[in-house]
């Protein structure tokens, strides 16, 4: 990779569907939900052969910044930035593009979520290389993941018919599709030219700023008013300016409107966005009855359960398809098929002002 390629890791989410382990000060991206490394550490690890740590930037929130700095000692501390307010991905990416373009007018940036699992890093890095090359040539790039089932929780990218998975050349994107109903998702799967939107994007920093000026002028103007990164006034001006930016995703703000959007129809690199505890269950090996239990357990007539209970023996008797997550101050018990609803628990706790559990 050339010296003008940079990695931006987005790590500002709260991971509410991973409550009770995921809290404001220990959100999903800094947890080791699969393996011994946290999700954000694993993100940096798999990019390391392509992008050195000194060209990695992280955008997070003030609750997590100190933890991320401690977990990523090789990344310069100044390059781990806390957003003053949550304003979705368009302002966050725009801020990083503004900084990188001011430091390196030839900067090409890749945008990487901090909380994904990639089972085949070598294949993944081939996709990243191809996407960076296409971005350096002037394309706005997105990585499409070939769907393995009719998922209703992801957005889709529509490629022209005949698009082949594993092709390194950029393919023109016909349109972005919102999260579909199940019947539509089944049609997408059968058609063969609809791919999951992975949330990984690549472009020249200057090209992204041009798109923001065209499609999101208020936010572009606010970001352009910031002083030079590293200047004494930068942090104070950012705190004043950033909350005024539009609250909108980069997909809606730019990718669905721009005309030169292309994508990589990626070969299978084992992508999983780890969106719930059930996704973690699917990633981990179980016993002969499909139970995944952390630590010592006794399972009698129990099947396909996921239990994360530390420091005690767990006995499961006659129960199936449960998720049980234990922490010192909270216990979650739910069915695996309802794992996506765990975020509703956090909303209920917010309504009851239980700050001690958030």
Protein backbone atom coordinates (compact mmCIF):
# COMPACT_ATOMS: atom_id res chain seq x y z
CA UNK A 1 0.00 0.00 0.00
CA UNK A 2 1.31 3.45 -0.83
CA UNK A 3 2.02 6.08 1.81
CA UNK A 4 -1.14 8.06 0.94
CA UNK A 5 -3.51 5.29 2.12
CA UNK A 6 -5.12 5.74 5.54
CA UNK A 7 -7.54 3.72 7.64
CA UNK A 8 -10.43 5.33 9.52
CA UNK A 9 -12.00 3.07 12.14
CA UNK A 10 -15.48 4.06 13.29
CA UNK A 11 -15.89 3.11 16.95
CA UNK A 12 -18.58 5.40 18.33
CA UNK A 13 -21.51 2.99 18.68
CA UNK A 14 -22.94 1.82 21.99
CA UNK A 15 -23.60 -1.84 21.14
CA UNK A 16 -26.86 -1.89 23.08
CA UNK A 17 -27.79 -5.37 21.83
CA UNK A 18 -24.80 -6.67 23.80
CA UNK A 19 -26.13 -5.51 27.15
CA UNK A 20 -25.38 -6.27 29.95
CA UNK A 21 -21.70 -6.69 29.02
CA UNK A 22 -21.76 -3.71 26.68
CA UNK A 23 -22.09 -0.44 28.59
CA UNK A 24 -21.21 3.17 27.77
CA UNK A 25 -17.67 2.73 29.11
CA UNK A 26 -17.22 -0.80 27.73
CA UNK A 27 -19.14 -0.95 24.47
CA UNK A 28 -19.08 -3.89 22.10
CA UNK A 29 -16.08 -2.72 20.09
CA UNK A 30 -13.74 -2.87 23.11
CA UNK A 31 -14.98 -6.28 24.29
CA UNK A 32 -13.42 -9.64 23.43
CA UNK A 33 -16.74 -11.26 22.53
CA UNK A 34 -14.97 -13.74 20.21
CA UNK A 35 -11.33 -14.60 20.80
CA UNK A 36 -8.82 -13.02 23.14
CA UNK A 37 -8.53 -9.65 21.36
CA UNK A 38 -11.22 -7.00 21.46
CA UNK A 39 -13.12 -6.32 18.25
CA UNK A 40 -11.30 -3.03 17.63
CA UNK A 41 -7.92 -4.64 18.32
CA UNK A 42 -8.76 -7.35 15.79
CA UNK A 43 -9.71 -4.66 13.27
CA UNK A 44 -6.31 -3.02 13.56
CA UNK A 45 -4.53 -6.40 13.56
CA UNK A 46 -5.96 -7.50 10.22
CA UNK A 47 -5.23 -4.12 8.60
CA UNK A 48 -1.65 -4.03 9.89
CA UNK A 49 -0.08 -5.75 6.83
CA UNK A 50 -1.60 -3.02 4.66
CA UNK A 51 -1.79 0.13 6.78
CA UNK A 52 0.77 0.89 9.49
CA UNK A 53 -0.49 2.11 12.84
CA UNK A 54 0.77 5.64 12.24
CA UNK A 55 -1.76 5.94 9.39
CA UNK A 56 -4.69 4.59 11.42
CA UNK A 57 -7.27 7.04 12.76
CA UNK A 58 -10.13 6.22 15.13
CA UNK A 59 -13.34 8.14 15.76
CA UNK A 60 -15.14 7.21 18.97
CA UNK A 61 -16.93 8.89 21.89
CA UNK A 62 -15.62 10.36 25.12
CA UNK A 63 -16.79 7.33 27.14
CA UNK A 64 -14.52 4.97 25.19
CA UNK A 65 -11.56 7.08 24.13
CA UNK A 66 -9.27 6.26 27.06
CA UNK A 67 -10.01 2.54 26.77
CA UNK A 68 -9.29 2.55 23.04
CA UNK A 69 -6.06 4.48 23.53
CA UNK A 70 -4.98 1.83 26.07
CA UNK A 71 -6.00 -1.05 23.78
CA UNK A 72 -4.22 0.40 20.73
CA UNK A 73 -0.83 1.56 22.02
CA UNK A 74 0.69 1.51 18.52
CA UNK A 75 -1.82 4.06 17.18
CA UNK A 76 -0.76 7.66 17.93
CA UNK A 77 -2.88 8.95 20.79
CA UNK A 78 -3.72 12.16 18.95
CA UNK A 79 -5.31 10.08 16.17
CA UNK A 80 -7.96 8.64 18.50
CA UNK A 81 -10.62 11.34 18.44
CA UNK A 82 -13.77 11.61 20.55
CA UNK A 83 -16.75 13.11 18.74
CA UNK A 84 -18.35 15.89 20.80
CA UNK A 85 -21.81 14.54 19.88
CA UNK A 86 -23.26 11.60 17.97
CA UNK A 87 -24.11 12.79 14.46
CA UNK A 88 -24.08 9.52 12.53
CA UNK A 89 -21.47 8.53 9.96
CA UNK A 90 -21.56 11.38 7.41
CA UNK A 91 -20.22 14.11 9.74
CA UNK A 92 -17.79 11.66 11.37
CA UNK A 93 -16.32 10.56 8.06
CA UNK A 94 -16.38 14.13 6.80
CA UNK A 95 -14.38 15.26 9.83
CA UNK A 96 -11.74 12.61 9.19
CA UNK A 97 -11.61 13.50 5.50
CA UNK A 98 -11.14 17.18 6.39
CA UNK A 99 -8.25 16.35 8.72
CA UNK A 100 -6.55 13.90 6.37
CA UNK A 101 -6.87 16.19 3.34
CA UNK A 102 -5.32 19.05 5.31
CA UNK A 103 -2.38 16.82 6.30
CA UNK A 104 -2.02 15.03 2.96
CA UNK A 105 -3.85 16.42 -0.11
CA UNK A 106 -3.38 13.04 -1.84
CA UNK A 107 -4.90 11.05 1.02
CA UNK A 108 -7.00 7.99 0.11
CA UNK A 109 -9.05 6.72 3.03
CA UNK A 110 -10.70 3.42 3.84
CA UNK A 111 -13.57 3.44 6.34
CA UNK A 112 -13.83 0.38 8.59
CA UNK A 113 -16.39 -0.39 11.32
CA UNK A 114 -14.69 -1.38 14.56
CA UNK A 115 -17.00 -4.23 15.47
CA UNK A 116 -16.93 -6.75 12.63
CA UNK A 117 -15.47 -10.25 12.58
CA UNK A 118 -13.50 -11.39 9.53
CA UNK A 119 -12.78 -15.13 9.42
CA UNK A 120 -10.45 -15.05 6.37
CA UNK A 121 -8.08 -12.08 6.73
CA UNK A 122 -5.89 -12.87 3.67
CA UNK A 123 -8.91 -12.89 1.36
CA UNK A 124 -10.20 -9.76 3.06
CA UNK A 125 -6.91 -7.92 2.52
CA UNK A 126 -7.08 -8.69 -1.21
CA UNK A 127 -10.48 -6.97 -1.27
CA UNK A 128 -9.11 -3.98 0.64
CA UNK A 129 -6.18 -3.64 -1.76
CA UNK A 130 -8.49 -3.68 -4.77
CA UNK A 131 -10.82 -1.13 -3.19
CA UNK A 132 -7.96 1.24 -2.35
CA UNK A 133 -6.63 1.00 -5.91
CA UNK A 134 -10.03 1.83 -7.38
CA UNK A 135 -10.47 4.72 -4.93
CA UNK A 136 -7.06 6.13 -5.85
CA UNK A 137 -8.29 6.13 -9.48
CA UNK A 138 -11.20 8.37 -8.51
CA UNK A 139 -14.07 6.03 -7.69
CA UNK A 140 -16.24 6.17 -4.58
CA UNK A 141 -16.03 2.57 -3.45
CA UNK A 142 -18.13 0.26 -1.29
CA UNK A 143 -17.50 -3.39 -0.41
CA UNK A 144 -20.40 -5.72 -1.12
CA UNK A 145 -20.63 -9.06 0.69
CA UNK A 146 -22.35 -11.89 -1.15
CA UNK A 147 -25.43 -12.81 0.92
CA UNK A 148 -25.49 -16.24 2.52
CA UNK A 149 -29.15 -16.09 3.58
CA UNK A 150 -32.11 -13.68 3.02
CA UNK A 151 -31.14 -11.18 5.72
CA UNK A 152 -33.69 -8.44 6.52
CA UNK A 153 -31.41 -6.49 8.86
CA UNK A 154 -28.87 -5.33 6.25
CA UNK A 155 -29.01 -2.85 3.42
CA UNK A 156 -28.19 -4.20 -0.04
CA UNK A 157 -26.13 -3.06 -3.02
CA UNK A 158 -27.53 -3.79 -6.46
CA UNK A 159 -24.87 -4.60 -9.05
CA UNK A 160 -25.59 -5.18 -12.76
CA UNK A 161 -26.76 -8.69 -13.59
CA UNK A 162 -23.91 -11.09 -14.11
CA UNK A 163 -21.65 -9.55 -11.44
CA UNK A 164 -19.27 -12.26 -10.26
CA UNK A 165 -18.10 -12.59 -6.68
CA UNK A 166 -14.33 -12.34 -6.33
CA UNK A 167 -13.83 -9.95 -9.24
CA UNK A 168 -11.17 -7.43 -8.13
CA UNK A 169 -12.18 -4.78 -10.69
CA UNK A 170 -14.66 -2.11 -9.54
CA UNK A 171 -18.25 -2.70 -10.66
CA UNK A 172 -20.70 0.16 -11.12
CA UNK A 173 -23.38 0.21 -8.43
CA UNK A 174 -26.89 0.50 -9.88
CA UNK A 175 -28.51 1.55 -6.61
CA UNK A 176 -28.57 1.05 -2.85
CA UNK A 177 -31.52 -0.81 -1.39
CA UNK A 178 -32.91 -0.33 2.11
CA UNK A 179 -33.40 -3.19 4.57
CA UNK A 180 -35.98 -5.40 2.84
CA UNK A 181 -38.93 -7.43 4.02
CA UNK A 182 -38.28 -11.18 4.05
CA UNK A 183 -39.99 -11.87 0.72
CA UNK A 184 -37.90 -9.19 -0.98
CA UNK A 185 -34.71 -10.44 0.69
CA UNK A 186 -35.41 -13.90 -0.72
CA UNK A 187 -35.74 -12.39 -4.21
CA UNK A 188 -32.45 -10.54 -3.74
CA UNK A 189 -30.74 -13.78 -2.75
CA UNK A 190 -32.12 -15.64 -5.73
CA UNK A 191 -31.22 -12.88 -8.21
CA UNK A 192 -27.50 -13.17 -7.49
CA UNK A 193 -26.58 -9.52 -8.15
CA UNK A 194 -27.63 -8.10 -4.77
CA UNK A 195 -24.92 -7.93 -2.10
CA UNK A 196 -24.97 -6.95 1.54
CA UNK A 197 -23.68 -3.44 2.22
CA UNK A 198 -20.70 -4.09 4.52
CA UNK A 199 -20.34 -0.46 5.64
CA UNK A 200 -16.74 -0.38 4.35
CA UNK A 201 -16.04 2.56 2.03
CA UNK A 202 -13.00 3.88 0.15
CA UNK A 203 -12.35 7.23 -1.57
CA UNK A 204 -9.93 10.08 -1.98
CA UNK A 205 -10.39 12.42 0.99
CA UNK A 206 -10.72 15.37 -1.38
CA UNK A 207 -13.36 13.57 -3.47
CA UNK A 208 -15.45 12.87 -0.38
CA UNK A 209 -15.24 16.53 0.65
CA UNK A 210 -16.42 17.52 -2.84
CA UNK A 211 -19.43 15.24 -2.44
CA UNK A 212 -20.26 16.71 0.96
CA UNK A 213 -20.12 20.22 -0.45
CA UNK A 214 -22.59 19.14 -3.13
CA UNK A 215 -24.99 17.00 -1.12
CA UNK A 216 -24.52 18.14 2.51
CA UNK A 217 -23.47 21.79 2.26
CA UNK A 218 -24.27 22.77 5.85
CA UNK A 219 -22.05 20.07 7.33
CA UNK A 220 -19.34 20.70 4.71
CA UNK A 221 -19.26 24.41 5.59
CA UNK A 222 -19.08 23.71 9.32
CA UNK A 223 -16.21 21.27 8.90
CA UNK A 224 -14.34 23.63 6.57
CA UNK A 225 -14.51 26.33 9.27
CA UNK A 226 -12.39 24.27 11.68
CA UNK A 227 -8.82 25.41 12.31
CA UNK A 228 -5.87 23.27 11.30
CA UNK A 229 -5.72 19.94 13.11
CA UNK A 230 -3.24 20.24 15.97
CA UNK A 231 -3.89 23.95 16.41
CA UNK A 232 -4.57 25.09 19.95
CA UNK A 233 -8.15 26.08 19.13
CA UNK A 234 -9.06 22.88 17.25
CA UNK A 235 -10.67 20.95 20.13
CA UNK A 236 -12.72 23.90 21.36
CA UNK A 237 -13.94 24.79 17.87
CA UNK A 238 -14.79 21.15 17.17
CA UNK A 239 -16.86 21.01 20.37
CA UNK A 240 -18.81 24.06 19.20
CA UNK A 241 -19.17 23.08 15.55
CA UNK A 242 -19.68 19.33 15.37
CA UNK A 243 -23.04 19.20 17.23
CA UNK A 244 -24.44 21.59 14.58
CA UNK A 245 -23.73 19.13 11.74
CA UNK A 246 -26.50 17.16 10.05
CA UNK A 247 -27.40 13.89 11.76
CA UNK A 248 -27.27 11.55 8.77
CA UNK A 249 -25.47 8.45 7.53
CA UNK A 250 -22.91 8.52 4.73
CA UNK A 251 -25.16 6.14 2.77
CA UNK A 252 -28.07 8.58 2.68
CA UNK A 253 -25.96 11.72 2.45
CA UNK A 254 -23.57 10.73 -0.33
CA UNK A 255 -23.54 7.16 -1.61
CA UNK A 256 -27.18 7.06 -2.72
CA UNK A 257 -26.80 10.38 -4.57
CA UNK A 258 -23.32 10.32 -6.10
CA UNK A 259 -22.85 9.27 -9.74
CA UNK A 260 -19.42 7.60 -9.67
CA UNK A 261 -20.11 4.93 -7.04
CA UNK A 262 -18.57 1.52 -7.66
CA UNK A 263 -18.20 -1.56 -5.55
CA UNK A 264 -16.22 -4.73 -5.05
CA UNK A 265 -18.35 -7.86 -5.34
CA UNK A 266 -16.21 -9.56 -2.73
CA UNK A 267 -15.28 -13.20 -2.51
CA UNK A 268 -16.31 -14.75 0.79
CA UNK A 269 -13.94 -13.49 3.48
CA UNK A 270 -16.01 -14.70 6.42
CA UNK A 271 -17.70 -11.39 7.21
CA UNK A 272 -19.98 -11.08 10.21
CA UNK A 273 -21.13 -7.79 11.70
CA UNK A 274 -21.67 -9.48 15.09
CA UNK A 275 -24.96 -7.68 15.57
CA UNK A 276 -26.28 -9.62 18.56
CA UNK A 277 -25.48 -12.29 21.13
CA UNK A 278 -26.98 -14.84 18.76
CA UNK A 279 -24.39 -13.85 16.15
CA UNK A 280 -21.68 -14.60 18.72
CA UNK A 281 -23.30 -17.99 19.37
CA UNK A 282 -23.14 -18.75 15.64
CA UNK A 283 -19.42 -17.95 15.55
CA UNK A 284 -18.30 -20.10 18.49
CA UNK A 285 -17.93 -23.90 18.63
CA UNK A 286 -20.47 -25.73 20.76
CA UNK A 287 -20.73 -29.14 22.39
CA UNK A 288 -22.44 -32.13 20.83
CA UNK A 289 -25.85 -30.65 21.60
CA UNK A 290 -25.02 -27.21 20.24
CA UNK A 291 -24.52 -25.51 23.62
CA UNK A 292 -21.91 -22.77 23.88
CA UNK A 293 -21.01 -22.21 27.52
CA UNK A 294 -18.14 -20.16 28.93
CA UNK A 295 -16.49 -22.16 31.69
CA UNK A 296 -17.53 -25.37 33.42
CA UNK A 297 -21.04 -26.66 32.73
CA UNK A 298 -23.40 -29.59 33.14
CA UNK A 299 -25.95 -29.86 30.35
CA UNK A 300 -28.81 -32.37 30.64
CA UNK A 301 -31.34 -32.57 27.83
CA UNK A 302 -30.35 -28.99 26.85
CA UNK A 303 -29.71 -27.86 23.29
CA UNK A 304 -28.44 -24.85 21.36
CA UNK A 305 -28.01 -22.51 24.32
CA UNK A 306 -25.49 -19.69 24.65
CA UNK A 307 -24.33 -18.96 28.20
CA UNK A 308 -21.71 -16.38 29.19
CA UNK A 309 -21.37 -16.78 32.95
CA UNK A 310 -17.95 -16.28 34.50
CA UNK A 311 -16.56 -17.81 37.70
CA UNK A 312 -19.25 -20.40 38.42
CA UNK A 313 -20.46 -23.76 37.18
CA UNK A 314 -23.55 -23.56 34.96
CA UNK A 315 -26.15 -26.33 34.93
CA UNK A 316 -28.67 -26.45 32.09
CA UNK A 317 -31.58 -28.87 32.46
CA UNK A 318 -34.24 -29.29 29.80
CA UNK A 319 -33.87 -25.86 28.19
CA UNK A 320 -33.28 -25.03 24.54
CA UNK A 321 -32.30 -21.99 22.47
CA UNK A 322 -31.62 -19.63 25.37
CA UNK A 323 -29.14 -16.80 25.81
CA UNK A 324 -27.92 -16.20 29.37
CA UNK A 325 -25.45 -13.38 30.06
CA UNK A 326 -24.33 -12.74 33.64
CA UNK A 327 -22.45 -9.72 35.01
CA UNK A 328 -21.93 -8.63 38.63
CA UNK A 329 -24.91 -6.26 38.52
CA UNK A 330 -27.22 -7.61 35.81
CA UNK A 331 -28.49 -10.86 34.30
CA UNK A 332 -29.95 -11.28 30.82
CA UNK A 333 -32.12 -14.26 29.91
CA UNK A 334 -33.78 -14.37 26.49
CA UNK A 335 -34.56 -16.69 23.62
CA UNK A 336 -31.97 -16.78 20.86
CA UNK A 337 -34.53 -15.76 18.26
CA UNK A 338 -35.24 -12.57 20.26
CA UNK A 339 -31.60 -11.51 20.60
CA UNK A 340 -32.15 -8.45 18.39
CA UNK A 341 -34.58 -7.07 21.01
CA UNK A 342 -31.96 -6.78 23.76
CA UNK A 343 -31.44 -3.14 22.76
CA UNK A 344 -34.99 -2.49 23.95
CA UNK A 345 -33.83 -3.32 27.48
CA UNK A 346 -31.37 -0.43 27.30
CA UNK A 347 -34.13 1.94 26.16
CA UNK A 348 -36.28 0.82 29.09
CA UNK A 349 -33.41 1.41 31.50
CA UNK A 350 -32.94 4.88 30.03
CA UNK A 351 -36.61 5.67 30.59
CA UNK A 352 -36.24 4.58 34.20
CA UNK A 353 -33.03 6.63 34.54
CA UNK A 354 -30.96 3.63 35.61
CA UNK A 355 -27.64 5.26 34.79
CA UNK A 356 -25.87 2.64 36.92
CA UNK A 357 -26.86 -0.03 34.38
CA UNK A 358 -26.05 1.94 31.23
